[in-house]
């Protein structure tokens, strides 16, 4: 898959700057697939001058770390011990780490899920279908206090007339499936709020 997020060909700075307290960026990476954790972890180590990455392979292990301070949490929604609603893991992590930014990493990036995750407090949503390099612009936005969403998911919401939808009835049906709150969240995100 190609990346739908525009990527600069070169960056002026090698490392991402972040508003930390002068120490290393502390990241909790909650992901059950070691084959996915490895490459992402290596890439994160390239992005930050100083970074400490703690890994958790399931929700229980992540919640056991609640006494530790993290600057950012990267969270897979499909954890083996996160039964129930598709946002069970996000709800539990947001409750345990209330003041920490949480970025969802998911293989499922349908518009309704993205909207619900943002509504539940995620500050970004990165599709696992993206190349690992999408982490840089996504994390730069998030660390500036903005929200990152996969452009493909926004297109699927069909909130703009140029979204490329051939069937206007499908557009209305998709919008009708969203709750009023989900529509409001997406409208605000589309307008940069």
C-alpha atoms as a PDB file:
ATOM      1  CA  UNK A   1       0.000   0.000   0.000  1.00  0.00           C
ATOM      2  CA  UNK A   2       1.181   3.471  -0.670  1.00  0.00           C
ATOM      3  CA  UNK A   3       1.043   6.177   1.951  1.00  0.00           C
ATOM      4  CA  UNK A   4      -1.799   8.625   1.520  1.00  0.00           C
ATOM      5  CA  UNK A   5      -0.175  11.192   3.794  1.00  0.00           C
ATOM      6  CA  UNK A   6       2.112  13.604   1.943  1.00  0.00           C
ATOM      7  CA  UNK A   7       5.682  12.942   2.996  1.00  0.00           C
ATOM      8  CA  UNK A   8       8.438  15.552   2.659  1.00  0.00           C
ATOM      9  CA  UNK A   9      11.408  14.201   0.738  1.00  0.00           C
ATOM     10  CA  UNK A  10      13.837  15.441   3.386  1.00  0.00           C
ATOM     11  CA  UNK A  11      13.540  16.852   6.881  1.00  0.00           C
ATOM     12  CA  UNK A  12      15.472  19.844   8.133  1.00  0.00           C
ATOM     13  CA  UNK A  13      16.078  18.150  11.481  1.00  0.00           C
ATOM     14  CA  UNK A  14      17.065  14.556  11.952  1.00  0.00           C
ATOM     15  CA  UNK A  15      15.132  14.105  15.193  1.00  0.00           C
ATOM     16  CA  UNK A  16      11.601  14.985  16.175  1.00  0.00           C
ATOM     17  CA  UNK A  17      11.558  17.695  18.807  1.00  0.00           C
ATOM     18  CA  UNK A  18       9.095  17.370  21.620  1.00  0.00           C
ATOM     19  CA  UNK A  19       8.073  19.527  24.572  1.00  0.00           C
ATOM     20  CA  UNK A  20       9.641  17.213  27.156  1.00  0.00           C
ATOM     21  CA  UNK A  21      11.371  18.027  30.393  1.00  0.00           C
ATOM     22  CA  UNK A  22      14.879  17.653  28.988  1.00  0.00           C
ATOM     23  CA  UNK A  23      14.963  13.875  29.412  1.00  0.00           C
ATOM     24  CA  UNK A  24      14.272  11.100  26.956  1.00  0.00           C
ATOM     25  CA  UNK A  25      10.906  10.634  25.296  1.00  0.00           C
ATOM     26  CA  UNK A  26       9.192   7.832  27.227  1.00  0.00           C
ATOM     27  CA  UNK A  27       6.937   5.654  25.068  1.00  0.00           C
ATOM     28  CA  UNK A  28       4.765   2.717  26.082  1.00  0.00           C
ATOM     29  CA  UNK A  29       4.203   0.512  23.036  1.00  0.00           C
ATOM     30  CA  UNK A  30       1.246  -1.844  23.556  1.00  0.00           C
ATOM     31  CA  UNK A  31       1.171  -4.369  20.712  1.00  0.00           C
ATOM     32  CA  UNK A  32       0.749  -8.140  20.770  1.00  0.00           C
ATOM     33  CA  UNK A  33       2.625  -8.906  17.531  1.00  0.00           C
ATOM     34  CA  UNK A  34       6.395  -8.977  18.053  1.00  0.00           C
ATOM     35  CA  UNK A  35       6.980  -8.892  14.282  1.00  0.00           C
ATOM     36  CA  UNK A  36       5.227  -5.517  14.186  1.00  0.00           C
ATOM     37  CA  UNK A  37       6.814  -4.172  17.393  1.00  0.00           C
ATOM     38  CA  UNK A  38      10.383  -4.735  16.195  1.00  0.00           C
ATOM     39  CA  UNK A  39      10.422  -2.534  13.080  1.00  0.00           C
ATOM     40  CA  UNK A  40       8.296   0.180  14.691  1.00  0.00           C
ATOM     41  CA  UNK A  41      10.542   0.253  17.753  1.00  0.00           C
ATOM     42  CA  UNK A  42      13.679   0.562  15.594  1.00  0.00           C
ATOM     43  CA  UNK A  43      12.090   3.386  13.623  1.00  0.00           C
ATOM     44  CA  UNK A  44      11.079   5.217  16.816  1.00  0.00           C
ATOM     45  CA  UNK A  45      14.676   4.976  18.009  1.00  0.00           C
ATOM     46  CA  UNK A  46      15.714   6.772  14.816  1.00  0.00           C
ATOM     47  CA  UNK A  47      13.124   9.523  15.281  1.00  0.00           C
ATOM     48  CA  UNK A  48      14.044  10.732  18.760  1.00  0.00           C
ATOM     49  CA  UNK A  49      17.486  11.799  19.986  1.00  0.00           C
ATOM     50  CA  UNK A  50      16.697  10.165  23.330  1.00  0.00           C
ATOM     51  CA  UNK A  51      13.918   7.632  23.700  1.00  0.00           C
ATOM     52  CA  UNK A  52      12.969   4.943  26.184  1.00  0.00           C
ATOM     53  CA  UNK A  53      10.491   2.418  24.799  1.00  0.00           C
ATOM     54  CA  UNK A  54       8.677   0.059  27.122  1.00  0.00           C
ATOM     55  CA  UNK A  55       6.849  -2.797  25.439  1.00  0.00           C
ATOM     56  CA  UNK A  56       3.690  -4.563  26.576  1.00  0.00           C
ATOM     57  CA  UNK A  57       2.288  -7.517  24.624  1.00  0.00           C
ATOM     58  CA  UNK A  58      -1.185  -7.346  26.160  1.00  0.00           C
ATOM     59  CA  UNK A  59      -3.534  -5.018  28.015  1.00  0.00           C
ATOM     60  CA  UNK A  60      -2.887  -6.564  31.422  1.00  0.00           C
ATOM     61  CA  UNK A  61       0.879  -5.990  31.120  1.00  0.00           C
ATOM     62  CA  UNK A  62       0.306  -2.404  30.044  1.00  0.00           C
ATOM     63  CA  UNK A  63      -2.034  -1.679  32.939  1.00  0.00           C
ATOM     64  CA  UNK A  64       0.534  -3.073  35.380  1.00  0.00           C
ATOM     65  CA  UNK A  65       2.774  -0.159  34.326  1.00  0.00           C
ATOM     66  CA  UNK A  66       0.293   2.530  35.419  1.00  0.00           C
ATOM     67  CA  UNK A  67       2.627   3.766  38.174  1.00  0.00           C
ATOM     68  CA  UNK A  68       5.247   4.710  35.555  1.00  0.00           C
ATOM     69  CA  UNK A  69       5.206   7.998  33.682  1.00  0.00           C
ATOM     70  CA  UNK A  70       5.064   7.954  29.887  1.00  0.00           C
ATOM     71  CA  UNK A  71       4.987  10.810  27.389  1.00  0.00           C
ATOM     72  CA  UNK A  72       3.201   8.808  24.713  1.00  0.00           C
ATOM     73  CA  UNK A  73       1.375   5.498  24.389  1.00  0.00           C
ATOM     74  CA  UNK A  74       1.101   3.650  21.078  1.00  0.00           C
ATOM     75  CA  UNK A  75      -1.839   1.282  21.414  1.00  0.00           C
ATOM     76  CA  UNK A  76      -3.068  -1.607  19.294  1.00  0.00           C
ATOM     77  CA  UNK A  77      -6.831  -1.990  19.735  1.00  0.00           C
ATOM     78  CA  UNK A  78      -6.935  -5.714  18.931  1.00  0.00           C
ATOM     79  CA  UNK A  79      -5.217  -7.144  22.001  1.00  0.00           C
ATOM     80  CA  UNK A  80      -5.916 -10.765  22.995  1.00  0.00           C
ATOM     81  CA  UNK A  81      -7.126  -9.817  26.474  1.00  0.00           C
ATOM     82  CA  UNK A  82      -9.236  -6.807  25.438  1.00  0.00           C
ATOM     83  CA  UNK A  83     -12.517  -8.607  24.898  1.00  0.00           C
ATOM     84  CA  UNK A  84     -15.729  -6.702  24.426  1.00  0.00           C
ATOM     85  CA  UNK A  85     -16.185  -3.498  22.498  1.00  0.00           C
ATOM     86  CA  UNK A  86     -13.552  -2.667  19.885  1.00  0.00           C
ATOM     87  CA  UNK A  87     -12.439   0.252  22.083  1.00  0.00           C
ATOM     88  CA  UNK A  88     -12.032  -1.753  25.312  1.00  0.00           C
ATOM     89  CA  UNK A  89      -8.244  -1.378  25.266  1.00  0.00           C
ATOM     90  CA  UNK A  90      -8.430   2.370  24.617  1.00  0.00           C
ATOM     91  CA  UNK A  91     -10.956   2.919  27.414  1.00  0.00           C
ATOM     92  CA  UNK A  92      -8.802   0.982  29.899  1.00  0.00           C
ATOM     93  CA  UNK A  93      -5.566   2.733  28.892  1.00  0.00           C
ATOM     94  CA  UNK A  94      -7.151   6.212  28.972  1.00  0.00           C
ATOM     95  CA  UNK A  95      -8.471   5.452  32.459  1.00  0.00           C
ATOM     96  CA  UNK A  96      -5.110   4.198  33.751  1.00  0.00           C
ATOM     97  CA  UNK A  97      -2.960   6.868  32.055  1.00  0.00           C
ATOM     98  CA  UNK A  98      -5.270   9.900  32.094  1.00  0.00           C
ATOM     99  CA  UNK A  99      -2.708  12.584  31.274  1.00  0.00           C
ATOM    100  CA  UNK A 100      -0.727  10.637  28.661  1.00  0.00           C
ATOM    101  CA  UNK A 101      -1.239  11.074  24.935  1.00  0.00           C
ATOM    102  CA  UNK A 102      -2.566   7.873  23.369  1.00  0.00           C
ATOM    103  CA  UNK A 103      -2.131   7.085  19.684  1.00  0.00           C
ATOM    104  CA  UNK A 104      -4.101   4.170  18.269  1.00  0.00           C
ATOM    105  CA  UNK A 105      -2.378   1.784  15.862  1.00  0.00           C
ATOM    106  CA  UNK A 106      -4.886  -0.470  14.187  1.00  0.00           C
ATOM    107  CA  UNK A 107      -5.331  -2.742  11.220  1.00  0.00           C
ATOM    108  CA  UNK A 108      -8.960  -1.628  11.157  1.00  0.00           C
ATOM    109  CA  UNK A 109      -9.309   1.982  10.093  1.00  0.00           C
ATOM    110  CA  UNK A 110     -12.926   2.348   9.083  1.00  0.00           C
ATOM    111  CA  UNK A 111     -14.272   5.851   9.587  1.00  0.00           C
ATOM    112  CA  UNK A 112     -16.661   5.015  12.399  1.00  0.00           C
ATOM    113  CA  UNK A 113     -13.900   3.378  14.469  1.00  0.00           C
ATOM    114  CA  UNK A 114     -11.564   6.324  13.889  1.00  0.00           C
ATOM    115  CA  UNK A 115     -14.274   8.781  14.966  1.00  0.00           C
ATOM    116  CA  UNK A 116     -15.115   6.761  18.082  1.00  0.00           C
ATOM    117  CA  UNK A 117     -11.437   6.445  19.074  1.00  0.00           C
ATOM    118  CA  UNK A 118     -10.925  10.206  18.829  1.00  0.00           C
ATOM    119  CA  UNK A 119     -14.154  10.790  20.753  1.00  0.00           C
ATOM    120  CA  UNK A 120     -12.823   8.443  23.483  1.00  0.00           C
ATOM    121  CA  UNK A 121      -9.657  10.524  23.858  1.00  0.00           C
ATOM    122  CA  UNK A 122      -7.113   9.184  21.390  1.00  0.00           C
ATOM    123  CA  UNK A 123      -4.988  12.000  19.976  1.00  0.00           C
ATOM    124  CA  UNK A 124      -4.192  10.137  16.806  1.00  0.00           C
ATOM    125  CA  UNK A 125      -5.081   7.104  14.748  1.00  0.00           C
ATOM    126  CA  UNK A 126      -2.484   5.429  12.545  1.00  0.00           C
ATOM    127  CA  UNK A 127      -3.464   2.641  10.196  1.00  0.00           C
ATOM    128  CA  UNK A 128      -1.226  -0.426  10.263  1.00  0.00           C
ATOM    129  CA  UNK A 129      -1.662  -0.498   6.494  1.00  0.00           C
ATOM    130  CA  UNK A 130       0.614   2.563   6.333  1.00  0.00           C
ATOM    131  CA  UNK A 131       4.343   2.442   5.829  1.00  0.00           C
ATOM    132  CA  UNK A 132       6.317   2.853   9.050  1.00  0.00           C
ATOM    133  CA  UNK A 133       7.540   6.276   7.816  1.00  0.00           C
ATOM    134  CA  UNK A 134       4.057   7.726   8.387  1.00  0.00           C
ATOM    135  CA  UNK A 135       4.952   7.772  12.090  1.00  0.00           C
ATOM    136  CA  UNK A 136       7.179  10.821  11.672  1.00  0.00           C
ATOM    137  CA  UNK A 137       4.611  13.346  10.375  1.00  0.00           C
ATOM    138  CA  UNK A 138       1.913  11.782  12.553  1.00  0.00           C
ATOM    139  CA  UNK A 139       3.948  12.066  15.752  1.00  0.00           C
ATOM    140  CA  UNK A 140       5.143  15.557  14.855  1.00  0.00           C
ATOM    141  CA  UNK A 141       1.516  16.697  14.628  1.00  0.00           C
ATOM    142  CA  UNK A 142       0.503  14.892  17.803  1.00  0.00           C
ATOM    143  CA  UNK A 143       3.415  16.290  19.824  1.00  0.00           C
ATOM    144  CA  UNK A 144       2.369  19.776  18.710  1.00  0.00           C
ATOM    145  CA  UNK A 145      -1.012  19.130  20.313  1.00  0.00           C
ATOM    146  CA  UNK A 146      -2.840  18.334  17.087  1.00  0.00           C
ATOM    147  CA  UNK A 147      -4.751  15.212  16.065  1.00  0.00           C
ATOM    148  CA  UNK A 148      -3.529  12.863  13.348  1.00  0.00           C
ATOM    149  CA  UNK A 149      -6.014  10.821  11.316  1.00  0.00           C
ATOM    150  CA  UNK A 150      -5.439   8.555   8.343  1.00  0.00           C
ATOM    151  CA  UNK A 151      -6.495  10.553   5.277  1.00  0.00           C
ATOM    152  CA  UNK A 152      -8.116   7.448   3.790  1.00  0.00           C
ATOM    153  CA  UNK A 153     -10.502   7.256   6.734  1.00  0.00           C
ATOM    154  CA  UNK A 154     -11.491  10.880   6.349  1.00  0.00           C
ATOM    155  CA  UNK A 155     -12.168  10.292   2.671  1.00  0.00           C
ATOM    156  CA  UNK A 156     -14.410   7.380   3.602  1.00  0.00           C
ATOM    157  CA  UNK A 157     -16.493   9.622   5.821  1.00  0.00           C
ATOM    158  CA  UNK A 158     -17.509  11.445   2.675  1.00  0.00           C
ATOM    159  CA  UNK A 159     -17.928  14.771   4.403  1.00  0.00           C
ATOM    160  CA  UNK A 160     -16.493  16.749   1.524  1.00  0.00           C
ATOM    161  CA  UNK A 161     -17.943  17.016  -1.977  1.00  0.00           C
ATOM    162  CA  UNK A 162     -14.602  16.114  -3.589  1.00  0.00           C
ATOM    163  CA  UNK A 163     -14.203  12.828  -1.700  1.00  0.00           C
ATOM    164  CA  UNK A 164     -14.468  10.954  -4.972  1.00  0.00           C
ATOM    165  CA  UNK A 165     -17.631   9.004  -4.287  1.00  0.00           C
ATOM    166  CA  UNK A 166     -19.456   7.922  -7.393  1.00  0.00           C
ATOM    167  CA  UNK A 167     -22.736   7.183  -5.630  1.00  0.00           C
ATOM    168  CA  UNK A 168     -24.253  10.146  -3.739  1.00  0.00           C
ATOM    169  CA  UNK A 169     -26.738   7.793  -2.071  1.00  0.00           C
ATOM    170  CA  UNK A 170     -23.834   5.810  -0.567  1.00  0.00           C
ATOM    171  CA  UNK A 171     -22.455   9.068   0.835  1.00  0.00           C
ATOM    172  CA  UNK A 172     -25.709   9.855   2.596  1.00  0.00           C
ATOM    173  CA  UNK A 173     -26.025   6.283   3.883  1.00  0.00           C
ATOM    174  CA  UNK A 174     -22.504   6.395   5.343  1.00  0.00           C
ATOM    175  CA  UNK A 175     -23.125   9.719   7.043  1.00  0.00           C
ATOM    176  CA  UNK A 176     -26.450   8.451   8.399  1.00  0.00           C
ATOM    177  CA  UNK A 177     -24.662   5.516  10.075  1.00  0.00           C
ATOM    178  CA  UNK A 178     -22.699   7.902  12.283  1.00  0.00           C
ATOM    179  CA  UNK A 179     -24.099   9.128  15.578  1.00  0.00           C
ATOM    180  CA  UNK A 180     -24.602  12.899  15.926  1.00  0.00           C
ATOM    181  CA  UNK A 181     -21.563  13.045  18.220  1.00  0.00           C
ATOM    182  CA  UNK A 182     -19.403  11.128  15.713  1.00  0.00           C
ATOM    183  CA  UNK A 183     -20.457  13.517  12.935  1.00  0.00           C
ATOM    184  CA  UNK A 184     -19.610  16.486  15.155  1.00  0.00           C
ATOM    185  CA  UNK A 185     -16.159  15.095  16.044  1.00  0.00           C
ATOM    186  CA  UNK A 186     -15.325  14.443  12.387  1.00  0.00           C
ATOM    187  CA  UNK A 187     -16.569  17.880  11.294  1.00  0.00           C
ATOM    188  CA  UNK A 188     -14.336  19.502  13.900  1.00  0.00           C
ATOM    189  CA  UNK A 189     -11.341  17.401  12.821  1.00  0.00           C
ATOM    190  CA  UNK A 190     -11.883  18.205   9.156  1.00  0.00           C
ATOM    191  CA  UNK A 191     -11.876  21.913  10.070  1.00  0.00           C
ATOM    192  CA  UNK A 192      -8.700  21.568  12.137  1.00  0.00           C
ATOM    193  CA  UNK A 193     -10.272  21.985  15.561  1.00  0.00           C
END
